[in-house]
Amino acid sequence: MKILMCNSYYYLRGGIERYFFDLAEILTAHGHEVIPFSMHHERNFASEYARYFVSEIDFPRLMRDKASLLTKLKAVERVIYSREAKQRIAQLIKDTQPDIAHVHEIADEISPSILPAIKRAGIPIVQTLHEGKLLCPNTEFVCRGEICERCKKRKFYNVVRYRCKRDSLAASMLACLEAYIHRGLKIYENSVDVFLTPSQFLQNKFVEYGFDADVRHQPAFVDPADFSPSYEPSDYFMYFGRLVRIKGVPTLLAAMQWVNSTSAKLLIIGEGELDASLKAYAQQHGLSNVSFLGYLNKPDLIPLIQRAAFTILPSECYENYPYAVIESFACGTPVIGARIGGIPELIKDGENGLLFESGNARQLAEKIQYMLDHPDVAIEMGRKGRQQVETVNNPQTHYERIIALYESLL
């Protein structure tokens, strides 16, 4: 089978691209041919199909720089309906004759102009919804660092009213225009045969918001063979991810003030806009048992997860299906997670980890203290987390479900 795989970026930029490449790998391993379509970028992996990719565009830079009016108008066209993308994918389809298309995140950099072109060629389309972009113009249901659902019932004007998009009037106006045009024309709904969401939570959001399409739940996966569980924890626990407010890192540091432990320390791994302020907070409050390690590549990060007593995901936003949890489980490491978004679907409270009320530092401190005081319980939770990955989030199960969907559409 020939599968056309579309995504804005063709390098490991984040969780979306991680899934994109992992899925392509297991499809290829089972004898299928994967044909990528993406945007040119200096960090892209090599591809024989790169000549079909669309030209690069950097929207944050365009909004910051004093670009000409013509340049900005071209950027608007790129977001709303890219003729370049439509023409290039039509040529790619003509030259390669794919059987089915699996679309990931294409908004902005590619635009949904490719969807009618694919449909016109008689090719079924599956799209994995990694984010809430089709419901929230700012993608993450967040406005100025807080949960926001003001755009429900297609009240997309609120993204301009509150300048949700990068606190920029221009960016917010463009996001608003994009949402009204694409939802008004139903360009996604009329083109895509089946939408997939990694979390049940996001699937429920699409139903709640009245999204008129076939939206199904398909959990993400990792290969357990890539992770070796330890079950011999060291004297630390850890957070790894972006250092931004919506990830709840300030709440985690606040919780550390009530954790009674001199033998275990918290490792914070990652970078972001709160880097300096978090370090200052730790110093001001005498949190000598907190260490900041900065950004680490996966080969350096995974061994730390394997030896951690537990990891913490203190998010204060609607996480979809975070890799931070399933990677920890794959390492045999339990997780303390916030009860928000798709996190409770992964963490079964008291079985493979613990849950706490999002934003509640006192409750988080209690959960941390429990894990530190009951190391044998934490180890058993880690074993159950590993079992969950092996049975629910393994590549073979994922492949079988995906290929069954493809075949049903063909």
Protein backbone atom coordinates (compact mmCIF):
# COMPACT_ATOMS: atom_id res chain seq x y z
CA MET A 1 0.00 0.00 0.00
CA LYS A 2 1.18 3.54 -0.79
CA ILE A 3 0.45 6.02 2.01
CA LEU A 4 0.74 9.77 1.45
CA MET A 5 1.79 11.26 4.83
CA CYS A 6 1.36 15.03 5.24
CA ASN A 7 2.74 17.20 8.04
CA SER A 8 4.04 20.76 8.20
CA TYR A 9 7.48 19.79 9.54
CA TYR A 10 9.81 17.02 8.43
CA TYR A 11 12.20 16.98 11.37
CA LEU A 12 11.82 16.07 15.04
CA ARG A 13 10.30 19.30 16.28
CA GLY A 14 7.96 17.83 18.92
CA GLY A 15 5.44 15.14 19.76
CA ILE A 16 3.52 15.52 16.51
CA GLU A 17 6.60 14.85 14.41
CA ARG A 18 7.63 12.05 16.75
CA TYR A 19 4.36 10.25 15.98
CA PHE A 20 4.62 11.10 12.27
CA PHE A 21 8.04 9.45 11.93
CA ASP A 22 7.26 6.53 14.25
CA LEU A 23 4.11 5.71 12.28
CA ALA A 24 5.99 5.99 8.99
CA GLU A 25 8.63 3.61 10.37
CA ILE A 26 6.21 0.85 11.40
CA LEU A 27 4.29 1.16 8.11
CA THR A 28 7.54 0.83 6.17
CA ALA A 29 8.61 -2.11 8.34
CA HIS A 30 5.42 -3.91 7.29
CA GLY A 31 6.19 -3.44 3.61
CA HIS A 32 4.17 -0.33 2.81
CA GLU A 33 5.53 2.69 0.96
CA VAL A 34 5.29 6.04 2.76
CA ILE A 35 5.33 9.19 0.61
CA PRO A 36 5.93 12.35 2.68
CA PHE A 37 4.63 15.85 1.91
CA SER A 38 5.88 18.71 4.06
CA MET A 39 7.53 22.14 4.15
CA HIS A 40 11.15 22.88 3.29
CA HIS A 41 13.32 23.57 6.33
CA GLU A 42 17.06 23.51 6.94
CA ARG A 43 16.60 20.89 9.67
CA ASN A 44 14.56 18.50 7.52
CA PHE A 45 15.60 14.88 7.12
CA ALA A 46 16.60 13.89 3.62
CA SER A 47 13.79 12.70 1.35
CA GLU A 48 13.58 11.77 -2.30
CA TYR A 49 10.27 13.65 -2.35
CA ALA A 50 11.67 16.95 -1.03
CA ARG A 51 11.32 18.59 -4.44
CA TYR A 52 7.55 18.50 -3.96
CA PHE A 53 7.64 20.19 -0.53
CA VAL A 54 6.25 23.72 -0.14
CA SER A 55 8.52 26.70 0.46
CA GLU A 56 9.46 27.59 4.02
CA ILE A 57 7.59 30.26 5.97
CA ASP A 58 8.26 31.46 9.54
CA PHE A 59 5.10 33.10 10.89
CA PRO A 60 6.45 34.23 14.30
CA ARG A 61 9.34 35.99 12.57
CA LEU A 62 7.00 37.61 10.04
CA MET A 63 4.85 38.99 12.83
CA ARG A 64 7.91 40.32 14.67
CA ASP A 65 9.69 41.82 11.69
CA LYS A 66 8.54 44.84 9.72
CA ALA A 67 7.68 42.82 6.67
CA SER A 68 6.22 44.51 3.61
CA LEU A 69 2.46 44.55 3.03
CA LEU A 70 2.91 42.22 0.05
CA THR A 71 4.84 39.72 2.18
CA LYS A 72 2.13 39.77 4.83
CA LEU A 73 -0.61 39.31 2.23
CA LYS A 74 1.24 36.26 0.89
CA ALA A 75 1.38 34.94 4.44
CA VAL A 76 -2.39 35.35 4.73
CA GLU A 77 -2.88 33.40 1.50
CA ARG A 78 -0.56 30.69 2.82
CA VAL A 79 -2.70 30.23 5.94
CA ILE A 80 -6.13 30.48 4.34
CA TYR A 81 -5.64 28.59 1.06
CA SER A 82 -2.19 27.95 -0.32
CA ARG A 83 -2.17 27.63 -4.09
CA GLU A 84 1.44 26.50 -3.96
CA ALA A 85 0.60 23.59 -1.65
CA LYS A 86 -2.40 22.61 -3.76
CA GLN A 87 -0.36 22.56 -6.97
CA ARG A 88 2.59 20.71 -5.45
CA ILE A 89 0.53 17.96 -3.86
CA ALA A 90 -1.46 17.52 -7.07
CA GLN A 91 1.83 16.91 -8.90
CA LEU A 92 3.05 14.53 -6.19
CA ILE A 93 -0.19 12.53 -6.43
CA LYS A 94 0.08 12.39 -10.22
CA ASP A 95 3.67 11.13 -10.05
CA THR A 96 3.28 8.59 -7.21
CA GLN A 97 -0.38 7.43 -7.28
CA PRO A 98 -0.88 6.86 -3.50
CA ASP A 99 -3.70 4.65 -2.23
CA ILE A 100 -4.57 6.62 0.88
CA ALA A 101 -3.55 9.85 2.65
CA HIS A 102 -2.81 10.25 6.34
CA VAL A 103 -2.71 13.92 7.29
CA HIS A 104 -1.32 15.29 10.55
CA GLU A 105 -0.87 19.00 11.35
CA ILE A 106 -1.02 21.09 8.17
CA ALA A 107 -2.61 24.35 9.36
CA ASP A 108 -0.68 27.55 8.62
CA GLU A 109 2.51 26.19 7.03
CA ILE A 110 0.73 24.06 4.39
CA SER A 111 -2.99 24.97 4.77
CA PRO A 112 -6.00 22.71 4.13
CA SER A 113 -5.93 23.58 0.43
CA ILE A 114 -4.34 20.15 -0.08
CA LEU A 115 -7.42 18.32 1.23
CA PRO A 116 -9.81 18.98 -1.70
CA ALA A 117 -6.93 18.22 -4.09
CA ILE A 118 -6.41 14.82 -2.47
CA LYS A 119 -10.14 14.15 -2.38
CA ARG A 120 -10.53 15.12 -6.03
CA ALA A 121 -7.99 12.43 -6.92
CA GLY A 122 -10.26 9.83 -5.32
CA ILE A 123 -7.92 9.18 -2.38
CA PRO A 124 -9.44 8.53 1.08
CA ILE A 125 -8.13 10.81 3.85
CA VAL A 126 -7.42 10.07 7.51
CA GLN A 127 -6.33 12.95 9.77
CA THR A 128 -4.85 12.62 13.24
CA LEU A 129 -5.85 15.59 15.39
CA HIS A 130 -2.85 16.19 17.62
CA GLU A 131 -4.21 19.53 18.84
CA GLY A 132 -7.48 21.42 19.18
CA LYS A 133 -6.76 23.79 16.28
CA LEU A 134 -10.12 23.15 14.56
CA LEU A 135 -11.95 24.19 17.73
CA CYS A 136 -9.61 26.80 19.21
CA PRO A 137 -7.83 29.33 16.94
CA ASN A 138 -5.01 29.43 19.50
CA THR A 139 -4.72 25.63 19.28
CA GLU A 140 -4.30 24.73 22.98
CA PHE A 141 -7.49 26.11 24.63
CA VAL A 142 -5.22 28.59 26.40
CA CYS A 143 -5.35 32.38 26.62
CA ARG A 144 -2.61 34.30 28.40
CA GLY A 145 -1.49 31.23 30.29
CA GLU A 146 -4.94 30.09 31.45
CA ILE A 147 -7.53 27.56 30.23
CA CYS A 148 -9.95 29.26 27.85
CA GLU A 149 -13.01 28.02 25.94
CA ARG A 150 -14.46 31.38 24.91
CA CYS A 151 -14.43 30.37 21.23
CA LYS A 152 -16.96 27.59 21.81
CA LYS A 153 -20.01 27.75 19.51
CA ARG A 154 -17.75 29.33 16.86
CA LYS A 155 -17.21 32.57 18.75
CA PHE A 156 -13.78 32.85 17.15
CA TYR A 157 -13.79 36.65 17.44
CA ASN A 158 -12.64 36.15 21.03
CA VAL A 159 -9.14 35.27 19.82
CA VAL A 160 -8.88 38.88 18.59
CA ARG A 161 -10.64 40.35 21.60
CA TYR A 162 -8.13 38.79 24.00
CA ARG A 163 -5.16 38.66 21.60
CA CYS A 164 -4.67 34.99 22.40
CA LYS A 165 -2.24 34.29 19.56
CA ARG A 166 1.22 35.28 20.80
CA ASP A 167 -0.34 38.41 22.37
CA SER A 168 -0.30 39.86 18.84
CA LEU A 169 -3.24 41.65 17.23
CA ALA A 170 -2.08 40.73 13.72
CA ALA A 171 -1.52 37.05 14.57
CA SER A 172 -4.83 36.87 16.41
CA MET A 173 -6.74 38.47 13.52
CA LEU A 174 -5.23 36.00 11.08
CA ALA A 175 -6.11 33.07 13.36
CA CYS A 176 -9.68 34.37 13.64
CA LEU A 177 -10.06 34.79 9.87
CA GLU A 178 -8.61 31.33 9.29
CA ALA A 179 -11.05 29.73 11.73
CA TYR A 180 -14.15 31.43 10.31
CA ILE A 181 -13.28 30.62 6.69
CA HIS A 182 -12.23 27.00 7.22
CA ARG A 183 -15.10 26.13 9.54
CA GLY A 184 -17.58 28.08 7.40
CA LEU A 185 -16.57 26.24 4.25
CA LYS A 186 -16.25 22.94 6.17
CA ILE A 187 -13.06 22.31 4.24
CA TYR A 188 -11.88 19.73 6.77
CA GLU A 189 -15.26 18.10 7.40
CA ASN A 190 -16.05 17.76 3.68
CA SER A 191 -12.66 16.31 2.75
CA VAL A 192 -11.48 14.07 5.58
CA ASP A 193 -13.13 10.64 5.86
CA VAL A 194 -12.05 9.83 9.43
CA PHE A 195 -10.45 11.96 12.13
CA LEU A 196 -8.39 10.32 14.88
CA THR A 197 -7.61 11.71 18.34
CA PRO A 198 -4.91 10.21 20.59
CA SER A 199 -7.03 10.94 23.69
CA GLN A 200 -10.65 10.22 24.51
CA PHE A 201 -10.68 13.70 26.06
CA LEU A 202 -10.02 15.44 22.75
CA GLN A 203 -12.54 13.25 20.95
CA ASN A 204 -15.14 14.30 23.53
CA LYS A 205 -14.23 17.96 22.98
CA PHE A 206 -14.94 17.65 19.26
CA VAL A 207 -18.33 16.12 20.03
CA GLU A 208 -19.04 18.78 22.68
CA TYR A 209 -18.17 21.58 20.23
CA GLY A 210 -20.54 20.15 17.60
CA PHE A 211 -17.87 19.13 15.09
CA ASP A 212 -19.87 17.34 12.40
CA ALA A 213 -17.55 14.52 11.31
CA ASP A 214 -16.42 10.99 12.11
CA VAL A 215 -13.97 11.42 15.01
CA ARG A 216 -12.46 8.29 16.55
CA HIS A 217 -10.07 7.58 19.41
CA GLN A 218 -6.66 6.07 18.54
CA PRO A 219 -4.04 6.08 21.35
CA ALA A 220 -0.42 6.95 20.54
CA PHE A 221 2.36 4.38 20.93
CA VAL A 222 6.00 3.84 21.81
CA ASP A 223 8.16 0.79 21.24
CA PRO A 224 8.80 -0.85 24.63
CA ALA A 225 11.95 -2.41 23.16
CA ASP A 226 13.49 1.08 23.03
CA PHE A 227 13.19 1.44 26.81
CA SER A 228 14.70 -0.81 29.48
CA PRO A 229 12.91 -0.62 32.84
CA SER A 230 15.16 -0.47 35.88
CA TYR A 231 12.93 -0.93 38.98
CA GLU A 232 15.93 0.17 41.05
CA PRO A 233 15.21 3.88 41.56
CA SER A 234 17.88 6.36 42.47
CA ASP A 235 17.55 9.26 44.93
CA TYR A 236 15.71 11.69 42.67
CA PHE A 237 12.40 12.34 40.94
CA MET A 238 11.97 14.57 37.91
CA TYR A 239 10.00 16.86 35.62
CA PHE A 240 10.92 17.04 31.94
CA GLY A 241 9.29 19.36 29.44
CA ARG A 242 8.88 23.01 28.57
CA LEU A 243 9.42 25.59 31.31
CA VAL A 244 6.22 27.53 30.70
CA ARG A 245 3.31 28.44 32.94
CA ILE A 246 0.72 26.12 31.36
CA LYS A 247 2.94 23.12 32.15
CA GLY A 248 2.51 23.84 35.87
CA VAL A 249 6.19 24.10 36.77
CA PRO A 250 5.64 27.08 39.15
CA THR A 251 3.07 24.94 41.01
CA LEU A 252 5.62 22.13 41.24
CA LEU A 253 8.22 24.44 42.78
CA ALA A 254 5.64 25.79 45.22
CA ALA A 255 4.82 22.22 46.24
CA MET A 256 8.48 21.52 46.99
CA GLN A 257 8.29 23.89 49.97
CA TRP A 258 6.10 21.35 51.78
CA VAL A 259 7.99 18.21 50.81
CA ASN A 260 9.86 16.84 53.80
CA SER A 261 12.90 15.10 52.38
CA THR A 262 16.62 15.57 52.65
CA SER A 263 17.57 12.41 50.76
CA ALA A 264 15.65 12.88 47.48
CA LYS A 265 15.96 15.75 45.04
CA LEU A 266 13.90 17.09 42.15
CA LEU A 267 15.51 17.33 38.72
CA ILE A 268 13.94 19.83 36.33
CA ILE A 269 14.87 19.16 32.70
CA GLY A 270 13.93 21.48 29.88
CA GLU A 271 14.03 25.09 28.80
CA GLY A 272 11.55 27.89 28.25
CA GLU A 273 10.52 31.43 29.07
CA LEU A 274 10.33 30.76 32.85
CA ASP A 275 13.87 29.42 33.13
CA ALA A 276 15.36 32.43 34.96
CA SER A 277 12.31 33.13 37.18
CA LEU A 278 12.04 29.50 38.30
CA LYS A 279 15.71 29.40 39.27
CA ALA A 280 15.30 32.68 41.16
CA TYR A 281 12.24 31.28 43.00
CA ALA A 282 14.13 28.15 44.02
CA GLN A 283 17.01 30.22 45.35
CA GLN A 284 14.76 32.69 47.19
CA HIS A 285 12.86 29.88 48.92
CA GLY A 286 15.92 27.83 49.80
CA LEU A 287 14.98 24.86 47.62
CA SER A 288 18.42 23.29 47.73
CA ASN A 289 16.94 19.92 46.73
CA VAL A 290 15.94 21.23 43.27
CA SER A 291 18.40 21.05 40.36
CA PHE A 292 17.95 22.52 36.87
CA LEU A 293 19.66 20.50 34.16
CA GLY A 294 18.50 22.46 31.10
CA TYR A 295 17.57 20.78 27.82
CA LEU A 296 18.73 17.19 27.28
CA ASN A 297 18.62 15.11 24.12
CA LYS A 298 16.74 11.82 24.26
CA PRO A 299 19.88 9.61 24.64
CA ASP A 300 20.77 11.58 27.78
CA LEU A 301 17.18 11.94 29.03
CA ILE A 302 15.96 8.33 28.89
CA PRO A 303 18.56 6.89 31.33
CA LEU A 304 17.51 9.54 33.87
CA ILE A 305 13.84 8.57 33.50
CA GLN A 306 14.74 4.89 33.93
CA ARG A 307 16.44 5.54 37.30
CA ALA A 308 13.98 8.13 38.62
CA ALA A 309 11.79 7.19 41.59
CA PHE A 310 8.91 8.79 39.68
CA THR A 311 8.24 11.61 37.22
CA ILE A 312 5.78 14.50 37.55
CA LEU A 313 3.46 16.05 34.96
CA PRO A 314 1.89 19.05 36.74
CA SER A 315 0.12 20.48 33.66
CA GLU A 316 -2.43 23.27 33.87
CA CYS A 317 -3.59 22.92 30.27
CA TYR A 318 -5.53 20.33 28.28
CA GLU A 319 -2.82 17.78 27.57
CA ASN A 320 -3.88 15.51 24.71
CA TYR A 321 -1.96 12.25 25.15
CA PRO A 322 1.44 13.23 26.53
CA TYR A 323 4.50 11.23 25.55
CA ALA A 324 5.99 12.19 28.92
CA VAL A 325 3.64 9.71 30.58
CA ILE A 326 3.95 6.76 28.20
CA GLU A 327 7.74 7.17 27.99
CA SER A 328 7.95 7.11 31.79
CA PHE A 329 5.77 4.00 31.90
CA ALA A 330 7.92 2.37 29.22
CA CYS A 331 10.90 2.98 31.51
CA GLY A 332 9.05 1.31 34.39
CA THR A 333 8.71 4.65 36.17
CA PRO A 334 5.41 5.75 37.78
CA VAL A 335 3.98 9.24 37.21
CA ILE A 336 2.30 11.84 39.38
CA GLY A 337 0.02 13.76 37.03
CA ALA A 338 -2.51 16.57 37.12
CA ARG A 339 -6.15 15.55 36.76
CA ILE A 340 -6.71 17.49 33.53
CA GLY A 341 -7.13 16.82 29.81
CA GLY A 342 -6.08 13.35 28.65
CA ILE A 343 -3.72 12.68 31.59
CA PRO A 344 -6.27 10.70 33.70
CA GLU A 345 -6.79 8.33 30.75
CA LEU A 346 -3.18 7.22 31.13
CA ILE A 347 -2.61 7.46 34.87
CA LYS A 348 -4.85 5.16 36.90
CA ASP A 349 -4.76 6.70 40.37
CA GLY A 350 -3.13 4.37 42.85
CA GLU A 351 -2.24 1.76 40.23
CA ASN A 352 0.48 3.12 37.90
CA GLY A 353 0.79 6.56 39.46
CA LEU A 354 -1.06 9.24 41.37
CA LEU A 355 -3.35 12.10 40.31
CA PHE A 356 -3.80 15.51 41.93
CA GLU A 357 -5.99 18.53 41.31
CA SER A 358 -4.36 20.67 38.64
CA GLY A 359 -2.83 23.81 40.13
CA ASN A 360 -3.10 22.56 43.74
CA ALA A 361 0.44 22.79 45.14
CA ARG A 362 -0.52 21.42 48.58
CA GLN A 363 -2.11 18.32 47.08
CA LEU A 364 0.84 17.78 44.76
CA ALA A 365 3.18 17.99 47.77
CA GLU A 366 1.13 15.29 49.51
CA LYS A 367 1.42 12.99 46.48
CA ILE A 368 5.18 13.55 46.23
CA GLN A 369 5.56 12.84 49.94
CA TYR A 370 3.54 9.63 49.62
CA MET A 371 5.77 8.36 46.81
CA LEU A 372 8.92 9.18 48.78
CA ASP A 373 7.58 7.50 51.92
CA HIS A 374 6.42 4.35 50.06
CA PRO A 375 9.21 3.40 47.62
CA ASP A 376 8.05 -0.22 47.30
CA VAL A 377 4.58 0.94 46.27
CA ALA A 378 6.13 3.30 43.71
CA ILE A 379 8.17 0.46 42.19
CA GLU A 380 5.05 -1.70 41.82
CA MET A 381 3.25 1.24 40.18
CA GLY A 382 6.13 1.47 37.71
CA ARG A 383 5.73 -2.22 36.84
CA LYS A 384 2.05 -1.70 36.10
CA GLY A 385 2.86 1.33 33.96
CA ARG A 386 5.24 -0.78 31.90
CA GLN A 387 2.55 -3.46 31.49
CA GLN A 388 0.12 -0.83 30.23
CA VAL A 389 2.53 0.32 27.53
CA GLU A 390 3.21 -3.26 26.48
CA THR A 391 -0.49 -4.06 26.07
CA VAL A 392 -2.11 -0.75 25.02
CA ASN A 393 0.62 1.47 23.55
CA ASN A 394 2.74 -1.02 21.63
CA PRO A 395 3.57 -0.61 17.91
CA GLN A 396 1.97 -3.85 16.70
CA THR A 397 -1.43 -3.09 18.24
CA HIS A 398 -1.26 0.41 16.81
CA TYR A 399 -0.29 -0.83 13.36
CA GLU A 400 -3.11 -3.38 13.27
CA ARG A 401 -5.71 -0.75 14.13
CA ILE A 402 -4.34 1.79 11.65
CA ILE A 403 -4.06 -0.66 8.75
CA ALA A 404 -7.56 -1.99 9.46
CA LEU A 405 -8.85 1.58 9.19
CA TYR A 406 -6.99 2.16 5.91
CA GLU A 407 -8.35 -1.05 4.43
CA SER A 408 -11.90 -0.23 5.49
CA LEU A 409 -11.69 3.11 3.65
CA LEU A 410 -10.27 1.42 0.55
